[in-house]
Amino acid sequence: LIFIISFTLSTAPGSGVLVLLTAVCAAYGSGIEDGF
């Protein structure tokens, strides 16, 4: 998930980690959607 979604961060030059964490948490599910 991290590897694939990391290629979609072109709109987040100054907040990449938070945006990627948010997207990975949402895709992973299992009750950790707000873990970031």
PDB file of all heavy atoms in Angstrom:
ATOM      1  N   LEU A   1       0.827  -1.209   0.000  1.00  0.00           N
ATOM      2  CA  LEU A   1       0.000   0.000   0.000  1.00  0.00           C
ATOM      3  C   LEU A   1       0.862   1.260   0.000  1.00  0.00           C
ATOM      4  O   LEU A   1       0.616   2.198  -0.773  1.00  0.00           O
ATOM      5  CB  LEU A   1      -0.926   0.003   1.217  1.00  0.00           C
ATOM      6  CG  LEU A   1      -2.098  -0.979   1.223  1.00  0.00           C
ATOM      7  CD1 LEU A   1      -2.860  -0.881   2.540  1.00  0.00           C
ATOM      8  CD2 LEU A   1      -3.038  -0.705   0.050  1.00  0.00           C
ATOM      9  N   ILE A   2       1.859   1.289   0.872  1.00  0.00           N
ATOM     10  CA  ILE A   2       2.723   2.469   0.958  1.00  0.00           C
ATOM     11  C   ILE A   2       3.455   2.694  -0.362  1.00  0.00           C
ATOM     12  O   ILE A   2       3.535   3.814  -0.864  1.00  0.00           O
ATOM     13  CB  ILE A   2       3.727   2.313   2.121  1.00  0.00           C
ATOM     14  CG1 ILE A   2       2.988   2.311   3.460  1.00  0.00           C
ATOM     15  CG2 ILE A   2       4.781   3.429   2.088  1.00  0.00           C
ATOM     16  CD1 ILE A   2       3.850   1.921   4.637  1.00  0.00           C
ATOM     17  N   PHE A   3       3.977   1.615  -0.932  1.00  0.00           N
ATOM     18  CA  PHE A   3       4.724   1.712  -2.184  1.00  0.00           C
ATOM     19  C   PHE A   3       3.850   2.254  -3.313  1.00  0.00           C
ATOM     20  O   PHE A   3       4.241   3.178  -4.028  1.00  0.00           O
ATOM     21  CB  PHE A   3       5.273   0.332  -2.547  1.00  0.00           C
ATOM     22  CG  PHE A   3       5.915   0.271  -3.908  1.00  0.00           C
ATOM     23  CD1 PHE A   3       7.129   0.893  -4.153  1.00  0.00           C
ATOM     24  CD2 PHE A   3       5.289  -0.416  -4.939  1.00  0.00           C
ATOM     25  CE1 PHE A   3       7.712   0.839  -5.412  1.00  0.00           C
ATOM     26  CE2 PHE A   3       5.865  -0.483  -6.197  1.00  0.00           C
ATOM     27  CZ  PHE A   3       7.073   0.147  -6.434  1.00  0.00           C
ATOM     28  N   ILE A   4       2.644   1.720  -3.458  1.00  0.00           N
ATOM     29  CA  ILE A   4       1.760   2.121  -4.553  1.00  0.00           C
ATOM     30  C   ILE A   4       1.225   3.541  -4.351  1.00  0.00           C
ATOM     31  O   ILE A   4       1.289   4.396  -5.252  1.00  0.00           O
ATOM     32  CB  ILE A   4       0.590   1.133  -4.706  1.00  0.00           C
ATOM     33  CG1 ILE A   4       1.113  -0.249  -5.129  1.00  0.00           C
ATOM     34  CG2 ILE A   4      -0.428   1.657  -5.707  1.00  0.00           C
ATOM     35  CD1 ILE A   4       1.803  -0.250  -6.486  1.00  0.00           C
ATOM     36  N   ILE A   5       0.707   3.832  -3.153  1.00  0.00           N
ATOM     37  CA  ILE A   5       0.072   5.121  -2.925  1.00  0.00           C
ATOM     38  C   ILE A   5       1.089   6.262  -2.935  1.00  0.00           C
ATOM     39  O   ILE A   5       0.746   7.408  -3.244  1.00  0.00           O
ATOM     40  CB  ILE A   5      -0.717   5.101  -1.598  1.00  0.00           C
ATOM     41  CG1 ILE A   5      -1.809   4.021  -1.643  1.00  0.00           C
ATOM     42  CG2 ILE A   5      -1.372   6.450  -1.319  1.00  0.00           C
ATOM     43  CD1 ILE A   5      -2.575   3.859  -0.344  1.00  0.00           C
ATOM     44  N   SER A   6       2.357   5.952  -2.648  1.00  0.00           N
ATOM     45  CA  SER A   6       3.380   7.010  -2.628  1.00  0.00           C
ATOM     46  C   SER A   6       3.557   7.673  -3.990  1.00  0.00           C
ATOM     47  O   SER A   6       4.053   8.800  -4.074  1.00  0.00           O
ATOM     48  CB  SER A   6       4.718   6.447  -2.151  1.00  0.00           C
ATOM     49  OG  SER A   6       5.273   5.567  -3.117  1.00  0.00           O
ATOM     50  N   PHE A   7       3.136   7.013  -5.061  1.00  0.00           N
ATOM     51  CA  PHE A   7       3.267   7.587  -6.397  1.00  0.00           C
ATOM     52  C   PHE A   7       2.131   8.551  -6.728  1.00  0.00           C
ATOM     53  O   PHE A   7       2.077   9.087  -7.839  1.00  0.00           O
ATOM     54  CB  PHE A   7       3.317   6.484  -7.450  1.00  0.00           C
ATOM     55  CG  PHE A   7       4.561   5.639  -7.394  1.00  0.00           C
ATOM     56  CD1 PHE A   7       4.527   4.361  -6.859  1.00  0.00           C
ATOM     57  CD2 PHE A   7       5.768   6.123  -7.856  1.00  0.00           C
ATOM     58  CE1 PHE A   7       5.661   3.582  -6.792  1.00  0.00           C
ATOM     59  CE2 PHE A   7       6.920   5.361  -7.793  1.00  0.00           C
ATOM     60  CZ  PHE A   7       6.873   4.074  -7.260  1.00  0.00           C
ATOM     61  N   THR A   8       1.229   8.780  -5.796  1.00  0.00           N
ATOM     62  CA  THR A   8       0.080   9.661  -6.054  1.00  0.00           C
ATOM     63  C   THR A   8       0.156  10.959  -5.260  1.00  0.00           C
ATOM     64  O   THR A   8      -0.854  11.630  -5.072  1.00  0.00           O
ATOM     65  CB  THR A   8      -1.231   8.939  -5.706  1.00  0.00           C
ATOM     66  OG1 THR A   8      -1.289   8.688  -4.285  1.00  0.00           O
ATOM     67  CG2 THR A   8      -1.354   7.614  -6.442  1.00  0.00           C
ATOM     68  N   LEU A   9       1.346  11.325  -4.789  1.00  0.00           N
ATOM     69  CA  LEU A   9       1.492  12.477  -3.889  1.00  0.00           C
ATOM     70  C   LEU A   9       1.850  13.765  -4.615  1.00  0.00           C
ATOM     71  O   LEU A   9       2.385  14.689  -4.005  1.00  0.00           O
ATOM     72  CB  LEU A   9       2.570  12.178  -2.834  1.00  0.00           C
ATOM     73  CG  LEU A   9       2.296  11.001  -1.899  1.00  0.00           C
ATOM     74  CD1 LEU A   9       3.483  10.793  -0.970  1.00  0.00           C
ATOM     75  CD2 LEU A   9       1.024  11.227  -1.100  1.00  0.00           C
ATOM     76  N   SER A  10       1.564  13.849  -5.892  1.00  0.00           N
ATOM     77  CA  SER A  10       1.964  15.024  -6.660  1.00  0.00           C
ATOM     78  C   SER A  10       1.263  16.302  -6.210  1.00  0.00           C
ATOM     79  O   SER A  10       1.704  17.405  -6.522  1.00  0.00           O
ATOM     80  CB  SER A  10       1.687  14.798  -8.147  1.00  0.00           C
ATOM     81  OG  SER A  10       0.330  14.484  -8.359  1.00  0.00           O
ATOM     82  N   THR A  11       0.160  16.174  -5.467  1.00  0.00           N
ATOM     83  CA  THR A  11      -0.554  17.368  -4.993  1.00  0.00           C
ATOM     84  C   THR A  11      -0.152  17.770  -3.575  1.00  0.00           C
ATOM     85  O   THR A  11      -0.729  18.693  -3.022  1.00  0.00           O
ATOM     86  CB  THR A  11      -2.079  17.121  -5.010  1.00  0.00           C
ATOM     87  OG1 THR A  11      -2.387  16.023  -4.143  1.00  0.00           O
ATOM     88  CG2 THR A  11      -2.568  16.800  -6.415  1.00  0.00           C
ATOM     89  N   ALA A  12       0.838  17.087  -3.008  1.00  0.00           N
ATOM     90  CA  ALA A  12       1.212  17.354  -1.613  1.00  0.00           C
ATOM     91  C   ALA A  12       2.718  17.551  -1.481  1.00  0.00           C
ATOM     92  O   ALA A  12       3.412  16.726  -0.877  1.00  0.00           O
ATOM     93  CB  ALA A  12       0.740  16.207  -0.715  1.00  0.00           C
ATOM     94  N   PRO A  13       3.265  18.642  -2.026  1.00  0.00           N
ATOM     95  CA  PRO A  13       4.714  18.858  -1.926  1.00  0.00           C
ATOM     96  C   PRO A  13       5.192  19.196  -0.528  1.00  0.00           C
ATOM     97  O   PRO A  13       6.359  19.004  -0.214  1.00  0.00           O
ATOM     98  CB  PRO A  13       4.948  20.038  -2.881  1.00  0.00           C
ATOM     99  CG  PRO A  13       3.654  20.776  -2.896  1.00  0.00           C
ATOM    100  CD  PRO A  13       2.595  19.717  -2.782  1.00  0.00           C
ATOM    101  N   GLY A  14       4.287  19.701   0.334  1.00  0.00           N
ATOM    102  CA  GLY A  14       4.704  20.111   1.667  1.00  0.00           C
ATOM    103  C   GLY A  14       4.037  19.367   2.799  1.00  0.00           C
ATOM    104  O   GLY A  14       4.180  19.746   3.964  1.00  0.00           O
ATOM    105  N   SER A  15       3.314  18.287   2.486  1.00  0.00           N
ATOM    106  CA  SER A  15       2.637  17.513   3.542  1.00  0.00           C
ATOM    107  C   SER A  15       2.559  16.043   3.172  1.00  0.00           C
ATOM    108  O   SER A  15       1.605  15.363   3.504  1.00  0.00           O
ATOM    109  CB  SER A  15       1.225  18.070   3.771  1.00  0.00           C
ATOM    110  OG  SER A  15       0.482  18.072   2.558  1.00  0.00           O
ATOM    111  N   GLY A  16       3.565  15.559   2.465  1.00  0.00           N
ATOM    112  CA  GLY A  16       3.521  14.211   1.913  1.00  0.00           C
ATOM    113  C   GLY A  16       3.321  13.105   2.926  1.00  0.00           C
ATOM    114  O   GLY A  16       2.521  12.192   2.710  1.00  0.00           O
ATOM    115  N   VAL A  17       4.035  13.163   4.053  1.00  0.00           N
ATOM    116  CA  VAL A  17       3.950  12.091   5.049  1.00  0.00           C
ATOM    117  C   VAL A  17       2.543  11.979   5.618  1.00  0.00           C
ATOM    118  O   VAL A  17       1.978  10.886   5.709  1.00  0.00           O
ATOM    119  CB  VAL A  17       4.972  12.322   6.184  1.00  0.00           C
ATOM    120  CG1 VAL A  17       4.757  11.315   7.303  1.00  0.00           C
ATOM    121  CG2 VAL A  17       6.388  12.204   5.653  1.00  0.00           C
ATOM    122  N   LEU A  18       1.969  13.119   5.996  1.00  0.00           N
ATOM    123  CA  LEU A  18       0.632  13.090   6.590  1.00  0.00           C
ATOM    124  C   LEU A  18      -0.406  12.604   5.579  1.00  0.00           C
ATOM    125  O   LEU A  18      -1.285  11.794   5.914  1.00  0.00           O
ATOM    126  CB  LEU A  18       0.259  14.483   7.096  1.00  0.00           C
ATOM    127  CG  LEU A  18      -1.105  14.596   7.779  1.00  0.00           C
ATOM    128  CD1 LEU A  18      -1.169  13.700   9.008  1.00  0.00           C
ATOM    129  CD2 LEU A  18      -1.398  16.041   8.157  1.00  0.00           C
ATOM    130  N   VAL A  19      -0.317  13.075   4.345  1.00  0.00           N
ATOM    131  CA  VAL A  19      -1.281  12.672   3.319  1.00  0.00           C
ATOM    132  C   VAL A  19      -1.134  11.195   3.001  1.00  0.00           C
ATOM    133  O   VAL A  19      -2.131  10.469   2.871  1.00  0.00           O
ATOM    134  CB  VAL A  19      -1.099  13.524   2.043  1.00  0.00           C
ATOM    135  CG1 VAL A  19      -1.982  13.014   0.921  1.00  0.00           C
ATOM    136  CG2 VAL A  19      -1.412  14.982   2.336  1.00  0.00           C
ATOM    137  N   LEU A  20       0.103  10.712   2.891  1.00  0.00           N
ATOM    138  CA  LEU A  20       0.323   9.295   2.604  1.00  0.00           C
ATOM    139  C   LEU A  20      -0.134   8.419   3.760  1.00  0.00           C
ATOM    140  O   LEU A  20      -0.764   7.371   3.555  1.00  0.00           O
ATOM    141  CB  LEU A  20       1.804   9.051   2.302  1.00  0.00           C
ATOM    142  CG  LEU A  20       2.194   7.614   1.929  1.00  0.00           C
ATOM    143  CD1 LEU A  20       1.352   7.098   0.770  1.00  0.00           C
ATOM    144  CD2 LEU A  20       3.678   7.530   1.596  1.00  0.00           C
ATOM    145  N   LEU A  21       0.164   8.846   4.988  1.00  0.00           N
ATOM    146  CA  LEU A  21      -0.302   8.081   6.159  1.00  0.00           C
ATOM    147  C   LEU A  21      -1.823   8.004   6.194  1.00  0.00           C
ATOM    148  O   LEU A  21      -2.402   6.943   6.468  1.00  0.00           O
ATOM    149  CB  LEU A  21       0.206   8.737   7.441  1.00  0.00           C
ATOM    150  CG  LEU A  21       1.489   8.187   8.058  1.00  0.00           C
ATOM    151  CD1 LEU A  21       1.893   9.039   9.256  1.00  0.00           C
ATOM    152  CD2 LEU A  21       1.332   6.732   8.461  1.00  0.00           C
ATOM    153  N   THR A  22      -2.467   9.119   5.916  1.00  0.00           N
ATOM    154  CA  THR A  22      -3.931   9.155   5.908  1.00  0.00           C
ATOM    155  C   THR A  22      -4.494   8.196   4.872  1.00  0.00           C
ATOM    156  O   THR A  22      -5.430   7.430   5.158  1.00  0.00           O
ATOM    157  CB  THR A  22      -4.427  10.578   5.603  1.00  0.00           C
ATOM    158  OG1 THR A  22      -3.833  11.491   6.527  1.00  0.00           O
ATOM    159  CG2 THR A  22      -5.939  10.664   5.727  1.00  0.00           C
ATOM    160  N   ALA A  23      -3.929   8.224   3.669  1.00  0.00           N
ATOM    161  CA  ALA A  23      -4.421   7.363   2.593  1.00  0.00           C
ATOM    162  C   ALA A  23      -4.174   5.892   2.901  1.00  0.00           C
ATOM    163  O   ALA A  23      -5.039   5.037   2.652  1.00  0.00           O
ATOM    164  CB  ALA A  23      -3.745   7.756   1.281  1.00  0.00           C
ATOM    165  N   VAL A  24      -3.002   5.574   3.455  1.00  0.00           N
ATOM    166  CA  VAL A  24      -2.687   4.177   3.770  1.00  0.00           C
ATOM    167  C   VAL A  24      -3.575   3.676   4.905  1.00  0.00           C
ATOM    168  O   VAL A  24      -4.056   2.540   4.867  1.00  0.00           O
ATOM    169  CB  VAL A  24      -1.199   4.034   4.130  1.00  0.00           C
ATOM    170  CG1 VAL A  24      -0.896   2.626   4.635  1.00  0.00           C
ATOM    171  CG2 VAL A  24      -0.321   4.355   2.926  1.00  0.00           C
ATOM    172  N   CYS A  25      -3.808   4.508   5.913  1.00  0.00           N
ATOM    173  CA  CYS A  25      -4.699   4.117   7.014  1.00  0.00           C
ATOM    174  C   CYS A  25      -6.109   3.837   6.500  1.00  0.00           C
ATOM    175  O   CYS A  25      -6.755   2.869   6.906  1.00  0.00           O
ATOM    176  CB  CYS A  25      -4.744   5.206   8.078  1.00  0.00           C
ATOM    177  SG  CYS A  25      -3.246   5.358   9.067  1.00  0.00           S
ATOM    178  N   ALA A  26      -6.596   4.691   5.612  1.00  0.00           N
ATOM    179  CA  ALA A  26      -7.933   4.496   5.059  1.00  0.00           C
ATOM    180  C   ALA A  26      -8.008   3.229   4.232  1.00  0.00           C
ATOM    181  O   ALA A  26      -8.998   2.485   4.301  1.00  0.00           O
ATOM    182  CB  ALA A  26      -8.320   5.705   4.202  1.00  0.00           C
ATOM    183  N   ALA A  27      -6.959   2.944   3.452  1.00  0.00           N
ATOM    184  CA  ALA A  27      -6.959   1.740   2.620  1.00  0.00           C
ATOM    185  C   ALA A  27      -6.772   0.484   3.459  1.00  0.00           C
ATOM    186  O   ALA A  27      -7.353  -0.567   3.147  1.00  0.00           O
ATOM    187  CB  ALA A  27      -5.853   1.838   1.569  1.00  0.00           C
ATOM    188  N   TYR A  28      -5.987   0.573   4.526  1.00  0.00           N
ATOM    189  CA  TYR A  28      -5.725  -0.592   5.379  1.00  0.00           C
ATOM    190  C   TYR A  28      -6.950  -0.961   6.207  1.00  0.00           C
ATOM    191  O   TYR A  28      -7.247  -2.136   6.420  1.00  0.00           O
ATOM    192  CB  TYR A  28      -4.541  -0.291   6.288  1.00  0.00           C
ATOM    193  CG  TYR A  28      -4.035  -1.480   7.062  1.00  0.00           C
ATOM    194  CD1 TYR A  28      -3.154  -2.375   6.480  1.00  0.00           C
ATOM    195  CD2 TYR A  28      -4.436  -1.705   8.379  1.00  0.00           C
ATOM    196  CE1 TYR A  28      -2.675  -3.468   7.187  1.00  0.00           C
ATOM    197  CE2 TYR A  28      -3.969  -2.789   9.096  1.00  0.00           C
ATOM    198  CZ  TYR A  28      -3.091  -3.675   8.494  1.00  0.00           C
ATOM    199  OH  TYR A  28      -2.631  -4.762   9.195  1.00  0.00           O
ATOM    200  N   GLY A  29      -7.688   0.040   6.685  1.00  0.00           N
ATOM    201  CA  GLY A  29      -8.901  -0.217   7.462  1.00  0.00           C
ATOM    202  C   GLY A  29      -8.602  -0.823   8.815  1.00  0.00           C
ATOM    203  O   GLY A  29      -7.681  -0.402   9.524  1.00  0.00           O
ATOM    204  N   SER A  30      -9.415  -1.780   9.219  1.00  0.00           N
ATOM    205  CA  SER A  30      -9.234  -2.513  10.489  1.00  0.00           C
ATOM    206  C   SER A  30      -9.323  -1.601  11.700  1.00  0.00           C
ATOM    207  O   SER A  30      -8.687  -1.851  12.739  1.00  0.00           O
ATOM    208  CB  SER A  30      -7.895  -3.272  10.502  1.00  0.00           C
ATOM    209  OG  SER A  30      -7.817  -4.163   9.420  1.00  0.00           O
ATOM    210  N   GLY A  31     -10.061  -0.511  11.599  1.00  0.00           N
ATOM    211  CA  GLY A  31     -10.276   0.363  12.741  1.00  0.00           C
ATOM    212  C   GLY A  31      -9.168   1.333  13.038  1.00  0.00           C
ATOM    213  O   GLY A  31      -9.169   1.967  14.102  1.00  0.00           O
ATOM    214  N   ILE A  32      -8.212   1.492  12.133  1.00  0.00           N
ATOM    215  CA  ILE A  32      -7.103   2.425  12.399  1.00  0.00           C
ATOM    216  C   ILE A  32      -7.138   3.597  11.407  1.00  0.00           C
ATOM    217  O   ILE A  32      -6.101   4.212  11.140  1.00  0.00           O
ATOM    218  CB  ILE A  32      -5.739   1.707  12.305  1.00  0.00           C
ATOM    219  CG1 ILE A  32      -5.535   1.130  10.886  1.00  0.00           C
ATOM    220  CG2 ILE A  32      -5.627   0.620  13.346  1.00  0.00           C
ATOM    221  CD1 ILE A  32      -4.120   0.673  10.658  1.00  0.00           C
ATOM    222  N   GLU A  33      -8.321   3.896  10.893  1.00  0.00           N
ATOM    223  CA  GLU A  33      -8.430   4.956   9.894  1.00  0.00           C
ATOM    224  C   GLU A  33      -7.935   6.304  10.404  1.00  0.00           C
ATOM    225  O   GLU A  33      -7.456   7.140   9.634  1.00  0.00           O
ATOM    226  CB  GLU A  33      -9.879   5.092   9.414  1.00  0.00           C
ATOM    227  CG  GLU A  33     -10.365   3.952   8.530  1.00  0.00           C
ATOM    228  CD  GLU A  33     -10.799   2.728   9.332  1.00  0.00           C
ATOM    229  OE1 GLU A  33     -10.654   2.762  10.584  1.00  0.00           O
ATOM    230  OE2 GLU A  33     -11.267   1.750   8.731  1.00  0.00           O
ATOM    231  N   ASP A  34      -8.043   6.547  11.713  1.00  0.00           N
ATOM    232  CA  ASP A  34      -7.595   7.815  12.300  1.00  0.00           C
ATOM    233  C   ASP A  34      -6.267   7.678  13.034  1.00  0.00           C
ATOM    234  O   ASP A  34      -5.874   8.551  13.805  1.00  0.00           O
ATOM    235  CB  ASP A  34      -8.647   8.350  13.273  1.00  0.00           C
ATOM    236  CG  ASP A  34      -9.953   8.694  12.585  1.00  0.00           C
ATOM    237  OD1 ASP A  34      -9.922   8.935  11.363  1.00  0.00           O
ATOM    238  OD2 ASP A  34     -11.000   8.711  13.258  1.00  0.00           O
ATOM    239  N   GLY A  35      -5.550   6.593  12.760  1.00  0.00           N
ATOM    240  CA  GLY A  35      -4.299   6.342  13.482  1.00  0.00           C
ATOM    241  C   GLY A  35      -3.219   7.375  13.224  1.00  0.00           C
ATOM    242  O   GLY A  35      -2.345   7.599  14.066  1.00  0.00           O
ATOM    243  N   PHE A  36      -3.279   8.028  12.087  1.00  0.00           N
ATOM    244  CA  PHE A  36      -2.262   9.031  11.752  1.00  0.00           C
ATOM    245  C   PHE A  36      -2.256  10.203  12.718  1.00  0.00           C
ATOM    246  O   PHE A  36      -1.274  10.958  12.795  1.00  0.00           O
ATOM    247  CB  PHE A  36      -2.486   9.541  10.326  1.00  0.00           C
ATOM    248  CG  PHE A  36      -3.790  10.260  10.130  1.00  0.00           C
ATOM    249  CD1 PHE A  36      -3.883  11.620  10.352  1.00  0.00           C
ATOM    250  CD2 PHE A  36      -4.929   9.571   9.754  1.00  0.00           C
ATOM    251  CE1 PHE A  36      -5.081  12.288  10.182  1.00  0.00           C
ATOM    252  CE2 PHE A  36      -6.132  10.225   9.571  1.00  0.00           C
ATOM    253  CZ  PHE A  36      -6.211  11.588   9.792  1.00  0.00           C
TER     254      PHE A  36
END
